Amino acid sequence: MIRVILAAAALALAACDNGSNGVMREIERAEKERADAAEQAASRSASWLEEVRAQPGVEARPSGLLLERRAHGRNQSLPRPTENAVVLVHYEGKLANGEVFDSSFERGEPAQFPLGGVVPGFSEAIQQMRPGDEVIATFPGELGYGERGSGPIPANAALQFRIILLAFQEPGGQPVQAPR
């Protein structure tokens, strides 16, 4: 037993001797890997955004948001939410490679959240909608998670969301929802 402990201690000390160089190499390798992934995501995203922009019926907004209106709600006289609203939506988000990273449809339950708490492209898209509307919103990385990325979303990745706005409520206001 003592031999096992001594052997483990000797291995640990040997690793420490080599440690600072080994740790630095590992950090540099991880940073390079992250930078390469971000560069690939940005390149793939740029071509994907151009493909989407070229599709008929896609509206290009000044911010870089690309909107395709899939369906209009039954009452187009309803207001649109502002950035201060809390919204109830069904959505599915995916990357340029088609990978779905989040979906309220799959969970079978809509999501509710304040528009001020989501990425700018998602918020801007919803502010262009009325309850009952369905859109496909595609936007560049800077309107998404930018250089930091998030979880399965690489840095600089363009994102695409299918969104159905079910209802919203402004601070102190009454809920506004799609007619049934």
Protein backbone atom coordinates (compact mmCIF):
# COMPACT_ATOMS: atom_id res chain seq x y z
CA MET A 1 0.00 0.00 0.00
CA ILE A 2 2.81 2.41 0.89
CA ARG A 3 4.51 1.59 -2.45
CA VAL A 4 1.33 2.56 -4.31
CA ILE A 5 1.13 5.86 -2.41
CA LEU A 6 4.82 6.57 -3.05
CA ALA A 7 4.45 5.73 -6.74
CA ALA A 8 1.45 8.06 -7.01
CA ALA A 9 3.37 10.81 -5.20
CA ALA A 10 6.36 10.33 -7.53
CA LEU A 11 4.09 10.58 -10.58
CA ALA A 12 2.46 13.72 -9.19
CA LEU A 13 5.85 15.33 -8.55
CA ALA A 14 7.05 14.40 -12.02
CA ALA A 15 3.95 15.99 -13.48
CA CYS A 16 4.60 19.14 -11.43
CA ASP A 17 8.16 19.39 -12.73
CA ASN A 18 6.81 19.31 -16.23
CA GLY A 19 3.58 20.93 -15.09
CA SER A 20 3.85 24.57 -15.94
CA ASN A 21 4.99 23.87 -19.50
CA GLY A 22 2.45 21.06 -19.92
CA VAL A 23 -0.39 23.13 -18.52
CA MET A 24 0.54 26.09 -20.72
CA ARG A 25 0.66 23.85 -23.80
CA GLU A 26 -2.78 22.48 -22.93
CA ILE A 27 -4.20 25.99 -22.48
CA GLU A 28 -2.68 27.11 -25.79
CA ARG A 29 -4.04 24.00 -27.54
CA ALA A 30 -7.54 24.63 -26.15
CA GLU A 31 -7.44 28.31 -27.14
CA LYS A 32 -6.31 27.43 -30.66
CA GLU A 33 -9.05 24.82 -30.94
CA ARG A 34 -11.65 27.39 -29.83
CA ALA A 35 -10.30 30.02 -32.25
CA ASP A 36 -10.35 27.52 -35.13
CA ALA A 37 -13.94 26.52 -34.31
CA ALA A 38 -14.97 30.18 -34.16
CA GLU A 39 -13.32 30.88 -37.52
CA GLN A 40 -15.06 27.87 -39.11
CA ALA A 41 -18.41 28.92 -37.61
CA ALA A 42 -17.99 32.48 -38.91
CA SER A 43 -17.10 31.25 -42.40
CA ARG A 44 -19.95 28.72 -42.55
CA SER A 45 -22.33 31.32 -41.09
CA ALA A 46 -21.45 33.96 -43.70
CA SER A 47 -22.27 31.66 -46.61
CA TRP A 48 -25.45 30.43 -44.91
CA LEU A 49 -26.64 34.00 -44.33
CA GLU A 50 -26.11 34.77 -48.03
CA GLU A 51 -28.12 31.65 -49.01
CA VAL A 52 -30.99 32.67 -46.74
CA ARG A 53 -30.88 36.31 -47.92
CA ALA A 54 -31.24 35.13 -51.55
CA GLN A 55 -34.44 33.17 -50.87
CA PRO A 56 -37.68 34.72 -52.08
CA GLY A 57 -39.78 36.37 -49.38
CA VAL A 58 -36.88 37.03 -47.00
CA GLU A 59 -36.78 40.56 -45.59
CA ALA A 60 -33.32 41.87 -44.72
CA ARG A 61 -33.45 44.35 -41.84
CA PRO A 62 -30.75 47.03 -41.32
CA SER A 63 -29.39 45.18 -38.26
CA GLY A 64 -28.61 42.07 -40.33
CA LEU A 65 -31.70 40.16 -39.18
CA LEU A 66 -33.29 38.13 -41.98
CA LEU A 67 -37.03 37.49 -41.59
CA GLU A 68 -39.24 35.12 -43.51
CA ARG A 69 -42.91 35.37 -42.58
CA ARG A 70 -44.44 31.89 -42.58
CA ALA A 71 -47.92 32.71 -41.28
CA HIS A 72 -49.88 35.74 -40.15
CA GLY A 73 -52.03 35.66 -37.06
CA ARG A 74 -55.78 35.98 -37.58
CA ASN A 75 -55.91 39.52 -36.16
CA GLN A 76 -53.27 41.75 -37.71
CA SER A 77 -54.67 44.79 -35.89
CA LEU A 78 -53.19 43.48 -32.62
CA PRO A 79 -50.13 45.39 -31.37
CA ARG A 80 -46.58 44.12 -31.54
CA PRO A 81 -44.55 43.57 -28.37
CA THR A 82 -41.87 46.04 -27.33
CA GLU A 83 -38.47 45.17 -25.87
CA ASN A 84 -40.05 45.51 -22.40
CA ALA A 85 -42.65 42.79 -22.95
CA VAL A 86 -42.79 39.31 -21.51
CA VAL A 87 -43.60 36.91 -24.35
CA LEU A 88 -45.00 33.40 -24.69
CA VAL A 89 -43.57 31.66 -27.75
CA HIS A 90 -42.90 28.33 -29.34
CA TYR A 91 -39.49 28.24 -30.98
CA GLU A 92 -36.75 26.06 -32.40
CA GLY A 93 -33.17 27.26 -32.75
CA LYS A 94 -30.58 25.77 -35.07
CA LEU A 95 -27.08 26.33 -36.38
CA ALA A 96 -25.86 26.66 -39.97
CA ASN A 97 -25.10 22.93 -40.05
CA GLY A 98 -28.77 22.16 -39.29
CA GLU A 99 -28.13 21.07 -35.69
CA VAL A 100 -31.07 21.96 -33.44
CA PHE A 101 -29.71 23.31 -30.15
CA ASP A 102 -33.01 24.15 -28.42
CA SER A 103 -36.70 23.58 -29.11
CA SER A 104 -39.83 24.31 -27.12
CA PHE A 105 -41.67 22.26 -29.76
CA GLU A 106 -39.67 19.17 -28.74
CA ARG A 107 -40.36 19.87 -25.07
CA GLY A 108 -44.07 20.20 -25.88
CA GLU A 109 -44.36 23.40 -23.90
CA PRO A 110 -44.07 27.04 -24.98
CA ALA A 111 -41.46 29.25 -23.33
CA GLN A 112 -42.15 32.49 -21.48
CA PHE A 113 -39.46 35.12 -20.93
CA PRO A 114 -38.79 38.86 -20.98
CA LEU A 115 -37.58 40.07 -24.38
CA GLY A 116 -34.82 42.02 -22.66
CA GLY A 117 -33.29 38.74 -21.51
CA VAL A 118 -32.63 37.12 -24.90
CA VAL A 119 -30.10 37.67 -27.67
CA PRO A 120 -30.70 40.79 -29.80
CA GLY A 121 -31.66 38.98 -33.02
CA PHE A 122 -34.31 36.89 -31.27
CA SER A 123 -35.72 39.96 -29.51
CA GLU A 124 -35.79 42.04 -32.70
CA ALA A 125 -37.57 39.26 -34.60
CA ILE A 126 -40.32 38.96 -32.00
CA GLN A 127 -40.82 42.74 -31.98
CA GLN A 128 -41.76 42.43 -35.69
CA MET A 129 -44.53 39.93 -34.90
CA ARG A 130 -48.14 39.97 -33.76
CA PRO A 131 -49.72 37.15 -31.75
CA GLY A 132 -50.36 34.19 -34.03
CA ASP A 133 -47.55 35.10 -36.46
CA GLU A 134 -44.89 32.56 -37.39
CA VAL A 135 -41.50 33.59 -38.72
CA ILE A 136 -38.12 32.14 -39.55
CA ALA A 137 -35.51 34.54 -38.15
CA THR A 138 -31.89 34.12 -39.25
CA PHE A 139 -29.19 36.39 -37.96
CA PRO A 140 -25.41 36.81 -37.77
CA GLY A 141 -23.35 35.93 -34.72
CA GLU A 142 -23.18 39.52 -33.51
CA LEU A 143 -26.97 39.47 -33.01
CA GLY A 144 -26.63 36.12 -31.24
CA TYR A 145 -23.97 35.04 -28.78
CA GLY A 146 -21.10 36.83 -30.59
CA GLU A 147 -17.52 36.00 -29.80
CA ARG A 148 -18.33 34.24 -26.54
CA GLY A 149 -20.67 31.56 -27.92
CA SER A 150 -22.77 29.63 -25.43
CA GLY A 151 -22.90 25.91 -24.69
CA PRO A 152 -23.32 24.10 -28.02
CA ILE A 153 -23.32 27.41 -29.92
CA PRO A 154 -19.83 28.25 -31.18
CA ALA A 155 -18.46 31.77 -31.14
CA ASN A 156 -19.57 33.92 -34.10
CA ALA A 157 -22.25 31.41 -35.14
CA ALA A 158 -25.24 32.60 -37.14
CA LEU A 159 -28.50 31.33 -35.71
CA GLN A 160 -31.90 30.52 -37.15
CA PHE A 161 -35.12 30.35 -35.17
CA ARG A 162 -38.57 29.24 -36.14
CA ILE A 163 -40.80 31.34 -33.85
CA ILE A 164 -44.54 31.41 -33.20
CA LEU A 165 -45.66 34.29 -31.00
CA LEU A 166 -48.55 33.05 -28.88
CA ALA A 167 -49.02 35.99 -26.51
CA PHE A 168 -47.26 38.85 -24.77
CA GLN A 169 -47.75 41.28 -21.94
CA GLU A 170 -46.27 44.73 -21.53
CA PRO A 171 -45.36 45.89 -18.00
CA GLY A 172 -48.61 46.85 -16.23
CA GLY A 173 -50.65 45.91 -19.29
CA GLN A 174 -53.15 43.22 -20.15
CA PRO A 175 -52.04 40.03 -21.96
CA VAL A 176 -52.37 40.21 -25.74
CA GLN A 177 -52.89 36.81 -27.34
CA ALA A 178 -53.71 35.26 -30.67
CA PRO A 179 -57.42 34.70 -31.30
CA ARG A 180 -58.43 31.07 -31.17
